[in-house]
Amino acid sequence: MILVGRVACIQATGTWSERATLAFVRAFRELVQPLGDEPWAVLTDLRNWELGVPEMEPPMDELDQWCVANGQTTEATVLPENPLIRSQLEHMFSHTQSSINRAYFSTPESAASWLEKQGFALDLPQLLAFCRFDPE
């Protein structure tokens, strides 16, 4: 995870257990804490994520509420072609009362372009270096 301006960039890999999710939540809160309550965004790269257990959903729901209360307004998510991943995300966020503006993309470049249109400028070379991904 890194901050690029007012955008938290996340890469999720592997299968997430409840324990992995709780560790992520702690690390993410520490990362974005310096942003204060001014609007900020998230770019999540899930191209190498392999889903999560159902027990990961309550901590992610709580994190979503915390993010809204602490200034997150926007989220761009880069997805692989696996429809199960989008389905799990949509299920996770379907029962929250989140005001986060979310959109899904197939490449980090298209996600970054959309974030810029939403008012979040990004250092594209830094972002792309972070999001470098070589499929097996």
Protein backbone atom coordinates (compact mmCIF):
# COMPACT_ATOMS: atom_id res chain seq x y z
CA MET A 1 0.00 0.00 0.00
CA ILE A 2 1.18 3.49 -0.80
CA LEU A 3 -0.21 7.02 -0.87
CA VAL A 4 0.01 8.85 -4.19
CA GLY A 5 -1.18 12.35 -3.40
CA ARG A 6 -4.62 11.97 -1.82
CA VAL A 7 -5.10 8.48 -3.27
CA ALA A 8 -4.41 5.31 -1.28
CA CYS A 9 -3.21 2.62 -3.69
CA ILE A 10 -3.79 -0.98 -2.64
CA GLN A 11 -2.82 -4.29 -4.20
CA ALA A 12 -4.60 -7.33 -2.81
CA THR A 13 -3.15 -10.76 -3.53
CA GLY A 14 -4.05 -14.33 -2.67
CA THR A 15 -7.00 -15.51 -0.60
CA TRP A 16 -7.92 -13.38 2.39
CA SER A 17 -8.73 -14.95 5.74
CA GLU A 18 -10.33 -13.05 8.60
CA ARG A 19 -6.86 -12.64 10.13
CA ALA A 20 -5.41 -11.23 6.89
CA THR A 21 -8.37 -8.87 6.61
CA LEU A 22 -7.90 -7.56 10.16
CA ALA A 23 -4.18 -6.96 9.47
CA PHE A 24 -5.09 -5.09 6.28
CA VAL A 25 -7.65 -2.93 8.10
CA ARG A 26 -5.06 -1.88 10.72
CA ALA A 27 -2.40 -1.11 8.09
CA PHE A 28 -4.85 0.77 5.87
CA ARG A 29 -6.07 3.00 8.70
CA GLU A 30 -2.47 3.86 9.58
CA LEU A 31 -1.72 4.67 5.93
CA VAL A 32 -4.62 7.08 5.41
CA GLN A 33 -4.70 8.65 8.89
CA PRO A 34 -2.45 11.58 7.78
CA LEU A 35 -4.99 12.56 5.10
CA GLY A 36 -7.28 14.03 7.75
CA ASP A 37 -10.88 14.67 6.83
CA GLU A 38 -10.27 16.33 3.46
CA PRO A 39 -11.64 14.24 0.57
CA TRP A 40 -9.47 11.32 -0.51
CA ALA A 41 -9.79 8.30 -2.79
CA VAL A 42 -8.68 4.69 -3.09
CA LEU A 43 -7.38 2.80 -6.10
CA THR A 44 -7.59 -0.94 -5.45
CA ASP A 45 -5.86 -3.44 -7.72
CA LEU A 46 -7.53 -6.84 -7.38
CA ARG A 47 -6.04 -8.50 -10.47
CA ASN A 48 -4.11 -10.95 -8.31
CA TRP A 49 -6.70 -11.42 -5.53
CA GLU A 50 -8.33 -14.80 -5.07
CA LEU A 51 -11.41 -13.86 -3.03
CA GLY A 52 -11.92 -13.98 0.71
CA VAL A 53 -13.72 -15.99 3.34
CA PRO A 54 -17.18 -14.82 4.50
CA GLU A 55 -15.63 -13.76 7.85
CA MET A 56 -13.78 -10.98 6.06
CA GLU A 57 -16.99 -9.11 5.33
CA PRO A 58 -17.78 -7.62 8.81
CA PRO A 59 -14.32 -6.00 9.20
CA MET A 60 -14.54 -4.67 5.64
CA ASP A 61 -18.03 -3.26 6.33
CA GLU A 62 -16.66 -1.50 9.43
CA LEU A 63 -13.71 -0.18 7.43
CA ASP A 64 -16.06 1.16 4.77
CA GLN A 65 -18.00 3.11 7.42
CA TRP A 66 -14.74 4.37 8.97
CA CYS A 67 -13.51 5.51 5.55
CA VAL A 68 -16.67 7.52 4.88
CA ALA A 69 -16.45 9.13 8.33
CA ASN A 70 -12.80 10.01 7.67
CA GLY A 71 -13.08 11.62 4.23
CA GLN A 72 -13.05 8.89 1.57
CA THR A 73 -15.34 9.90 -1.26
CA THR A 74 -14.21 7.83 -4.23
CA GLU A 75 -12.90 4.36 -5.10
CA ALA A 76 -11.62 2.92 -8.38
CA THR A 77 -11.16 -0.85 -8.44
CA VAL A 78 -9.14 -2.72 -11.06
CA LEU A 79 -10.62 -6.18 -11.53
CA PRO A 80 -9.50 -9.32 -13.33
CA GLU A 81 -11.87 -11.00 -15.76
CA ASN A 82 -13.08 -13.34 -12.99
CA PRO A 83 -16.80 -12.56 -12.44
CA LEU A 84 -16.70 -14.14 -8.95
CA ILE A 85 -14.51 -11.30 -7.67
CA ARG A 86 -16.91 -8.58 -8.81
CA SER A 87 -19.78 -10.62 -7.40
CA GLN A 88 -18.13 -10.84 -3.97
CA LEU A 89 -17.42 -7.11 -3.97
CA GLU A 90 -20.95 -6.22 -4.96
CA HIS A 91 -22.29 -8.54 -2.28
CA MET A 92 -20.01 -7.01 0.35
CA PHE A 93 -21.07 -3.46 -0.44
CA SER A 94 -24.74 -4.16 -1.20
CA HIS A 95 -25.86 -3.97 2.42
CA THR A 96 -23.80 -0.96 3.50
CA GLN A 97 -25.08 2.59 3.50
CA SER A 98 -21.87 3.86 1.92
CA SER A 99 -21.71 7.16 0.11
CA ILE A 100 -18.44 6.23 -1.62
CA ASN A 101 -18.57 6.71 -5.39
CA ARG A 102 -17.27 3.35 -6.72
CA ALA A 103 -16.34 2.30 -10.25
CA TYR A 104 -14.71 -0.81 -11.74
CA PHE A 105 -11.99 -0.96 -14.41
CA SER A 106 -9.85 -3.47 -16.27
CA THR A 107 -6.58 -1.49 -16.14
CA PRO A 108 -4.81 0.79 -13.64
CA GLU A 109 -4.53 3.44 -16.38
CA SER A 110 -8.30 3.62 -16.89
CA ALA A 111 -8.87 3.69 -13.13
CA ALA A 112 -6.33 6.53 -12.74
CA SER A 113 -7.93 8.46 -15.60
CA TRP A 114 -11.35 8.20 -13.95
CA LEU A 115 -9.92 9.26 -10.57
CA GLU A 116 -8.39 12.34 -12.20
CA LYS A 117 -11.80 13.23 -13.65
CA GLN A 118 -13.18 12.95 -10.10
CA GLY A 119 -10.59 15.52 -8.93
CA PHE A 120 -7.79 13.25 -7.66
CA ALA A 121 -4.55 13.89 -9.55
CA LEU A 122 -2.12 11.00 -9.67
CA ASP A 123 1.56 10.57 -10.48
CA LEU A 124 0.92 8.02 -13.24
CA PRO A 125 4.53 6.66 -13.48
CA GLN A 126 4.60 6.08 -9.69
CA LEU A 127 1.17 4.46 -9.80
CA LEU A 128 2.06 2.19 -12.70
CA ALA A 129 5.31 1.15 -11.04
CA PHE A 130 3.30 0.18 -7.98
CA CYS A 131 0.65 -1.64 -10.03
CA ARG A 132 3.11 -3.59 -12.18
CA PHE A 133 1.65 -7.03 -12.58
CA ASP A 134 2.94 -10.01 -14.52
CA PRO A 135 0.32 -12.76 -14.87
CA GLU A 136 1.57 -16.31 -14.47
